[in-house]
Protein backbone atom coordinates (compact mmCIF):
# COMPACT_ATOMS: atom_id res chain seq x y z
CA UNK A 1 251.11 80.15 62.30
CA UNK A 2 250.93 78.75 65.62
CA UNK A 3 247.64 76.51 64.44
CA UNK A 4 249.52 75.51 61.21
CA UNK A 5 252.43 74.30 63.61
CA UNK A 6 250.43 72.50 65.65
CA UNK A 7 248.28 70.71 62.96
CA UNK A 8 251.95 69.69 61.51
CA UNK A 9 253.12 68.20 64.86
CA UNK A 10 249.45 66.08 65.52
CA UNK A 11 249.75 64.73 61.43
CA UNK A 12 253.35 63.55 62.48
CA UNK A 13 252.52 62.17 65.64
CA UNK A 14 249.56 60.09 64.27
CA UNK A 15 252.18 58.93 61.56
CA UNK A 16 254.57 57.55 63.69
CA UNK A 17 251.77 55.81 66.30
CA UNK A 18 249.95 54.26 63.49
CA UNK A 19 251.30 50.80 61.93
CA UNK A 20 251.48 50.64 58.87
CA UNK A 21 248.59 48.80 57.92
CA UNK A 22 245.91 49.59 60.62
CA UNK A 23 243.50 46.35 59.55
CA UNK A 24 243.71 44.41 56.05
CA UNK A 25 241.51 44.76 53.38
CA UNK A 26 239.68 41.67 54.66
CA UNK A 27 239.90 42.66 58.10
CA UNK A 28 235.91 41.65 60.07
CA UNK A 29 235.75 44.93 60.90
CA UNK A 30 234.48 45.62 57.74
CA UNK A 31 232.03 41.89 57.90
CA UNK A 32 231.78 41.72 61.78
CA UNK A 33 228.05 42.19 63.99
CA UNK A 34 226.61 45.43 65.33
CA UNK A 35 229.04 48.31 66.33
CA UNK A 36 228.47 47.74 69.43
CA UNK A 37 230.62 45.06 70.22
CA UNK A 38 233.26 46.42 68.47
CA UNK A 39 236.11 49.83 69.22
CA UNK A 40 238.84 50.05 66.82
CA UNK A 41 240.87 53.39 67.37
CA UNK A 42 241.86 54.09 63.87
CA UNK A 43 244.98 55.59 64.74
CA UNK A 44 246.43 53.66 66.74
CA UNK A 45 245.04 49.92 64.95
CA UNK A 46 244.17 48.92 68.06
CA UNK A 47 240.59 47.35 68.49
CA UNK A 48 238.75 46.32 71.71
CA UNK A 49 236.09 43.63 70.86
CA UNK A 50 233.11 41.95 73.42
CA UNK A 51 231.24 39.11 73.11
CA UNK A 52 231.81 38.23 69.85
CA UNK A 53 233.87 36.01 67.89
CA UNK A 54 237.13 36.53 66.20
CA UNK A 55 237.38 34.93 63.04
CA UNK A 56 239.56 35.18 60.05
CA UNK A 57 240.31 39.06 62.21
CA UNK A 58 243.31 40.98 61.29
CA UNK A 59 244.03 43.26 63.57
CA UNK A 60 246.90 45.99 63.07
CA UNK A 61 248.85 46.39 66.28
CA UNK A 62 246.37 45.19 69.82
CA UNK A 63 243.71 43.34 70.51
CA UNK A 64 241.99 44.09 73.78
CA UNK A 65 238.71 41.22 74.64
CA UNK A 66 235.82 40.74 77.05
CA UNK A 67 233.02 38.14 76.80
CA UNK A 68 232.21 35.02 78.02
CA UNK A 69 233.00 33.06 75.78
CA UNK A 70 235.99 33.19 72.43
CA UNK A 71 236.14 31.74 69.42
CA UNK A 72 239.12 32.61 67.59
CA UNK A 73 240.67 31.17 64.32
CA UNK A 74 242.52 32.80 61.27
CA UNK A 75 242.99 36.21 64.06
CA UNK A 76 246.58 37.27 63.47
CA UNK A 77 247.65 39.84 65.43
CA UNK A 78 249.93 42.95 65.37
CA UNK A 79 250.99 42.42 61.79
CA UNK A 80 254.63 44.15 60.83
CA UNK A 81 254.14 45.88 64.95
CA UNK A 82 254.21 43.30 66.89
CA UNK A 83 250.90 44.22 68.80
CA UNK A 84 249.71 41.71 71.20
CA UNK A 85 246.15 40.05 72.41
CA UNK A 86 244.97 40.69 75.53
CA UNK A 87 241.61 38.11 76.13
CA UNK A 88 239.61 37.59 79.48
CA UNK A 89 235.98 35.77 79.85
CA UNK A 90 234.79 32.46 80.37
CA UNK A 91 235.70 30.16 77.84
CA UNK A 92 238.58 31.26 75.36
CA UNK A 93 239.21 28.95 72.42
CA UNK A 94 242.19 30.47 70.07
CA UNK A 95 243.10 27.90 67.27
CA UNK A 96 244.55 28.54 63.66
CA UNK A 97 246.22 32.20 64.54
CA UNK A 98 249.21 34.07 64.55
CA UNK A 99 249.71 37.12 67.85
CA UNK A 100 253.05 38.50 66.46
CA UNK A 101 253.58 39.95 70.20
CA UNK A 102 252.04 38.57 72.96
CA UNK A 103 249.44 36.25 73.90
CA UNK A 104 247.80 37.03 77.32
CA UNK A 105 244.44 35.96 78.53
CA UNK A 106 242.66 34.36 81.44
CA UNK A 107 239.75 33.05 81.31
CA UNK A 108 237.71 29.70 83.58
CA UNK A 109 238.81 27.39 80.95
CA UNK A 110 241.51 28.59 78.15
CA UNK A 111 242.52 26.43 75.28
CA UNK A 112 245.20 27.75 72.42
CA UNK A 113 246.18 25.22 69.41
CA UNK A 114 248.04 26.31 66.18
CA UNK A 115 248.98 29.33 66.91
CA UNK A 116 252.37 31.10 66.70
CA UNK A 117 253.21 33.49 68.93
CA UNK A 118 255.91 35.22 68.68
CA UNK A 119 257.09 36.78 72.28
CA UNK A 120 255.29 35.03 75.28
CA UNK A 121 251.90 33.38 76.38
CA UNK A 122 250.74 34.12 79.67
CA UNK A 123 247.37 32.21 80.68
CA UNK A 124 245.95 32.62 84.22
CA UNK A 125 242.76 29.63 84.30
CA UNK A 126 241.38 26.82 86.26
CA UNK A 127 241.21 24.41 83.28
CA UNK A 128 244.35 25.79 80.68
CA UNK A 129 245.62 23.70 77.46
CA UNK A 130 247.71 24.26 75.05
CA UNK A 131 248.98 22.34 72.48
CA UNK A 132 251.49 20.53 71.09
CA UNK A 133 251.69 22.77 67.50
CA UNK A 134 251.59 26.08 69.62
CA UNK A 135 254.82 28.10 69.03
CA UNK A 136 256.61 30.68 71.58
CA UNK A 137 259.71 32.90 72.91
CA UNK A 138 258.04 31.77 77.09
CA UNK A 139 254.88 30.00 77.81
CA UNK A 140 253.73 31.37 81.78
CA UNK A 141 250.57 29.66 83.47
CA UNK A 142 248.96 29.58 86.89
CA UNK A 143 245.35 27.51 87.04
CA UNK A 144 244.03 24.29 89.08
CA UNK A 145 244.69 22.21 85.61
CA UNK A 146 246.66 23.06 82.97
CA UNK A 147 248.20 21.00 80.01
CA UNK A 148 251.45 22.34 77.67
CA UNK A 149 252.73 21.28 74.98
CA UNK A 150 254.60 22.96 72.18
CA UNK A 151 258.42 25.01 71.97
CA UNK A 152 259.47 27.28 73.97
CA UNK A 153 262.05 29.75 74.86
CA UNK A 154 261.56 29.23 78.73
CA UNK A 155 258.64 28.76 81.05
CA UNK A 156 257.13 28.75 84.88
CA UNK A 157 254.49 26.72 85.87
CA UNK A 158 252.27 27.61 89.44
CA UNK A 159 249.67 24.93 89.43
CA UNK A 160 247.50 22.72 90.52
CA UNK A 161 248.27 19.06 88.25
CA UNK A 162 250.11 20.26 85.28
CA UNK A 163 250.77 17.86 82.59
CA UNK A 164 254.38 18.96 79.97
CA UNK A 165 254.77 17.51 76.88
CA UNK A 166 256.69 20.06 75.08
CA UNK A 167 260.95 20.99 74.62
CA UNK A 168 262.32 24.12 76.08
CA UNK A 169 265.49 26.18 74.69
CA UNK A 170 266.21 27.52 78.30
CA UNK A 171 265.26 27.62 82.09
CA UNK A 172 261.89 26.02 83.57
CA UNK A 173 260.73 26.96 86.92
CA UNK A 174 257.58 24.59 88.49
CA UNK A 175 255.38 24.81 91.83
CA UNK A 176 252.63 22.46 91.42
CA UNK A 177 250.75 21.31 94.04
CA UNK A 178 250.30 17.72 92.22
CA UNK A 179 253.03 14.74 90.59
CA UNK A 180 253.89 16.39 87.32
CA UNK A 181 253.08 14.19 84.02
CA UNK A 182 254.77 14.07 80.93
CA UNK A 183 258.30 14.74 80.04
CA UNK A 184 260.29 17.97 80.45
CA UNK A 185 262.51 17.59 77.57
CA UNK A 186 265.38 20.93 78.17
CA UNK A 187 268.72 21.52 76.95
CA UNK A 188 271.80 20.19 78.82
CA UNK A 189 272.56 24.10 79.93
CA UNK A 190 269.07 24.52 80.97
CA UNK A 191 267.88 25.15 84.78
CA UNK A 192 265.40 23.59 85.95
CA UNK A 193 263.64 24.70 89.42
CA UNK A 194 261.42 22.13 90.77
CA UNK A 195 259.15 24.38 94.01
CA UNK A 196 258.92 21.72 96.58
CA UNK A 197 256.59 19.93 96.67
CA UNK A 198 256.19 19.38 93.50
CA UNK A 199 257.60 16.06 90.98
CA UNK A 200 258.56 15.71 87.90
CA UNK A 201 259.64 12.16 87.58
CA UNK A 202 261.21 12.58 83.66
CA UNK A 203 263.07 15.23 83.11
CA UNK A 204 265.14 14.72 79.60
CA UNK A 205 268.10 16.69 78.78
CA UNK A 206 269.19 16.67 75.40
CA UNK A 207 271.40 18.15 72.98
CA UNK A 208 269.05 18.43 70.12
CA UNK A 209 269.09 20.44 67.16
CA UNK A 210 266.08 22.13 67.27
CA UNK A 211 266.72 23.90 70.71
CA UNK A 212 269.45 25.16 69.65
CA UNK A 213 269.16 26.45 66.91
CA UNK A 214 266.09 28.26 69.29
CA UNK A 215 268.04 29.15 72.03
CA UNK A 216 270.82 30.69 69.27
CA UNK A 217 268.60 32.43 67.49
CA UNK A 218 267.04 34.05 71.55
CA UNK A 219 270.05 36.36 71.31
CA UNK A 220 269.08 39.82 71.13
CA UNK A 221 270.44 41.43 68.60
CA UNK A 222 271.35 45.34 70.18
CA UNK A 223 269.94 47.64 66.77
CA UNK A 224 267.05 45.68 67.32
CA UNK A 225 266.51 47.09 70.29
CA UNK A 226 267.71 50.52 68.87
CA UNK A 227 265.44 50.95 65.90
CA UNK A 228 262.09 50.38 68.40
CA UNK A 229 264.29 52.77 70.62
CA UNK A 230 265.06 55.58 69.20
CA UNK A 231 261.03 54.95 67.00
CA UNK A 232 259.64 55.56 70.51
CA UNK A 233 261.69 58.65 71.75
CA UNK A 234 260.44 59.98 68.72
CA UNK A 235 256.97 59.02 69.25
CA UNK A 236 256.99 59.79 72.56
CA UNK A 237 258.32 63.70 72.23
CA UNK A 238 256.20 64.72 69.92
CA UNK A 239 253.33 63.87 71.68
CA UNK A 240 254.89 65.93 74.18
CA UNK A 241 254.83 68.93 72.04
CA UNK A 242 251.54 68.28 70.93
CA UNK A 243 250.22 67.93 74.64
CA UNK A 244 251.89 70.70 75.40
CA UNK A 245 249.83 72.71 72.48
CA UNK A 246 246.28 70.81 73.57
CA UNK A 247 246.69 70.48 77.26
CA UNK A 248 249.49 72.43 78.25
CA UNK A 249 247.21 73.89 81.98
CA UNK A 250 246.48 70.67 83.06
CA UNK A 251 250.47 69.30 82.38
CA UNK A 252 251.17 72.62 84.24
CA UNK A 253 248.50 71.60 87.27
CA UNK A 254 249.98 67.89 88.03
CA UNK A 255 253.18 69.40 87.77
CA UNK A 256 252.08 71.91 90.79
CA UNK A 257 250.32 69.79 91.94
CA UNK A 258 253.33 67.27 93.16
CA UNK A 259 255.09 70.05 94.37
CA UNK A 260 253.09 69.22 97.97
CA UNK A 261 250.50 66.05 97.16
CA UNK A 262 252.38 63.73 95.37
CA UNK A 263 252.33 60.57 97.92
CA UNK A 264 248.97 61.48 97.74
CA UNK A 265 248.41 60.84 94.14
CA UNK A 266 250.15 57.39 94.23
CA UNK A 267 247.99 56.17 96.62
CA UNK A 268 245.29 57.41 94.87
CA UNK A 269 246.79 56.47 91.43
CA UNK A 270 247.64 52.71 93.04
CA UNK A 271 243.88 52.04 94.31
CA UNK A 272 242.23 53.67 91.38
CA UNK A 273 244.50 51.81 88.43
CA UNK A 274 244.18 48.30 90.44
CA UNK A 275 240.26 49.05 91.55
CA UNK A 276 238.96 49.30 87.50
CA UNK A 277 239.99 46.64 86.50
CA UNK A 278 238.47 44.36 89.28
CA UNK A 279 235.40 46.60 88.39
CA UNK A 280 235.02 46.45 84.80
CA UNK A 281 235.59 42.19 85.22
CA UNK A 282 232.71 42.78 87.70
CA UNK A 283 230.25 44.73 85.34
CA UNK A 284 231.46 42.94 82.63
CA UNK A 285 228.72 40.35 82.87
CA UNK A 286 225.45 41.34 83.72
CA UNK A 287 223.91 42.32 79.89
CA UNK A 288 222.82 45.70 81.29
CA UNK A 289 226.81 46.26 82.65
CA UNK A 290 229.04 45.23 79.57
CA UNK A 291 229.38 48.48 77.97
CA UNK A 292 230.47 50.26 80.73
CA UNK A 293 232.94 47.73 81.88
CA UNK A 294 234.12 48.26 78.00
CA UNK A 295 234.55 51.83 78.70
CA UNK A 296 236.63 50.90 81.79
CA UNK A 297 238.95 48.75 79.67
CA UNK A 298 239.38 51.74 77.28
CA UNK A 299 239.41 53.81 79.24
CA UNK A 300 242.65 51.79 81.46
CA UNK A 301 244.37 51.05 78.27
CA UNK A 302 244.33 54.53 76.54
CA UNK A 303 245.82 55.80 80.62
CA UNK A 304 248.34 52.90 80.33
CA UNK A 305 250.10 53.93 76.37
CA UNK A 306 249.98 58.34 76.68
CA UNK A 307 250.82 58.15 80.33
CA UNK A 308 254.27 58.03 79.53
CA UNK A 309 253.92 61.79 78.14
CA UNK A 310 252.30 62.83 80.63
CA UNK A 311 254.97 61.81 83.71
CA UNK A 312 257.93 62.47 81.58
CA UNK A 313 256.79 65.67 81.38
CA UNK A 314 255.76 66.34 84.92
CA UNK A 315 259.39 64.92 85.52
CA UNK A 316 260.90 67.45 83.66
CA UNK A 317 259.84 70.24 84.99
CA UNK A 318 260.36 68.75 88.27
CA UNK A 319 263.99 67.81 87.54
CA UNK A 320 265.03 70.57 85.04
CA UNK A 321 263.66 73.72 86.79
CA UNK A 322 265.88 76.91 85.55
CA UNK A 323 264.87 75.31 81.08
CA UNK A 324 261.52 76.02 79.41
CA UNK A 325 259.20 73.98 79.97
CA UNK A 326 258.47 72.56 76.73
CA UNK A 327 262.37 71.41 76.65
CA UNK A 328 262.44 69.80 80.23
CA UNK A 329 258.98 68.24 78.99
CA UNK A 330 260.79 66.32 76.26
CA UNK A 331 263.78 65.52 78.08
CA UNK A 332 262.15 63.95 81.15
CA UNK A 333 259.70 61.92 78.77
CA UNK A 334 262.77 60.44 76.83
CA UNK A 335 264.72 59.30 80.17
CA UNK A 336 260.90 58.02 80.63
CA UNK A 337 261.28 55.94 77.23
CA UNK A 338 264.61 54.72 77.27
CA UNK A 339 264.31 53.50 80.89
CA UNK A 340 261.40 51.33 79.41
CA UNK A 341 263.93 49.40 77.62
CA UNK A 342 265.64 47.66 80.72
CA UNK A 343 265.10 44.59 80.99
CA UNK A 344 262.51 44.28 82.82
CA UNK A 345 261.44 47.24 82.76
CA UNK A 346 258.84 47.37 79.28
CA UNK A 347 255.53 47.65 82.35
CA UNK A 348 257.72 48.35 84.88
CA UNK A 349 257.67 52.47 83.64
CA UNK A 350 254.19 52.64 82.14
CA UNK A 351 252.41 51.17 84.91
CA UNK A 352 253.82 53.56 87.20
CA UNK A 353 253.21 56.73 85.33
CA UNK A 354 249.91 55.07 84.74
CA UNK A 355 249.30 54.70 88.45
CA UNK A 356 251.20 58.35 88.23
CA UNK A 357 248.43 60.10 86.10
CA UNK A 358 245.29 58.10 87.86
CA UNK A 359 246.49 59.78 91.22
CA UNK A 360 246.57 62.86 89.30
CA UNK A 361 243.09 62.74 88.13
CA UNK A 362 241.26 61.86 90.54
CA UNK A 363 243.50 64.46 93.21
CA UNK A 364 242.70 67.25 90.65
CA UNK A 365 238.46 66.16 91.14
CA UNK A 366 239.01 65.81 94.13
CA UNK A 367 240.24 69.62 94.69
CA UNK A 368 237.54 71.04 92.06
CA UNK A 369 234.86 69.53 94.61
CA UNK A 370 236.20 71.02 97.07
CA UNK A 371 236.57 74.60 95.65
CA UNK A 372 233.05 74.35 94.93
């Protein structure tokens, strides 16, 4: 009976965590190059690519790409799920694509054109160019030479030289070492913040119909938050139930460790969580160590995605010691999941949970070494 229950719970958890269609029929993974250059999590729809172009790709949820040069055209990410694209390399070219979530890119040269982004564009690079046929919720750029056009709801730039030629429906913050070229076009009620040392000669305040429409549409509907919150709570609760059957010993071990070594666990987790990405980037460019780099980034992604149920179980066990372990763990997980939907905490909570889980894994490993 217990095994049957485990199978049912696992099936529900997988269905809730999996998009309606992980990949379209014409997915480039069916046409792609060597299997060693890509990994697809068929349960979640996430894709991990390395050193290959992304031409006419359809990715169900999130896309992670690392390599030297990326040429992406006809790329669709997160259709129906709001998935995002995370790109890291030397030269990144994204054109004629649709990213339904956010586009986050880091490279020496980053070029984006003819692309629609559902949420935000966050980019860092030496030379960044975002064309006038690009639209997104917000654009946030840091680099040496940045050129941004297009239509956005808000923006912030920390750059050496920036050229602005877009329309913004919200506030704009500019921190630049030299004169800002182009015309910054914002609505009458927008706040434009120019840091000391930057010079923005052309700021145009307008009552534009296009800008006004975007601004009104940017008001968040409460029902658009409740639905994803309920979905996330249900999925995380089922994952806690699944973890309770599969790795109950590890979760209870984490509960005991927090009683005596919680500060040390956070210190170890903080060091590991921020050293691993640097190590992954360092191992990326030598061809012989590139697979190790890919495994590091996959480990970070898995840790980030599944840390809330694990950390929530530990939190519930510590807060509700008198309750049954599973019930307390589910309540703790629901608390963390709900906190995620507080503004500005959507990425903070999973990051803190990831640091905690990474610290537990490291401390547990060290304790076993000492025991031997």
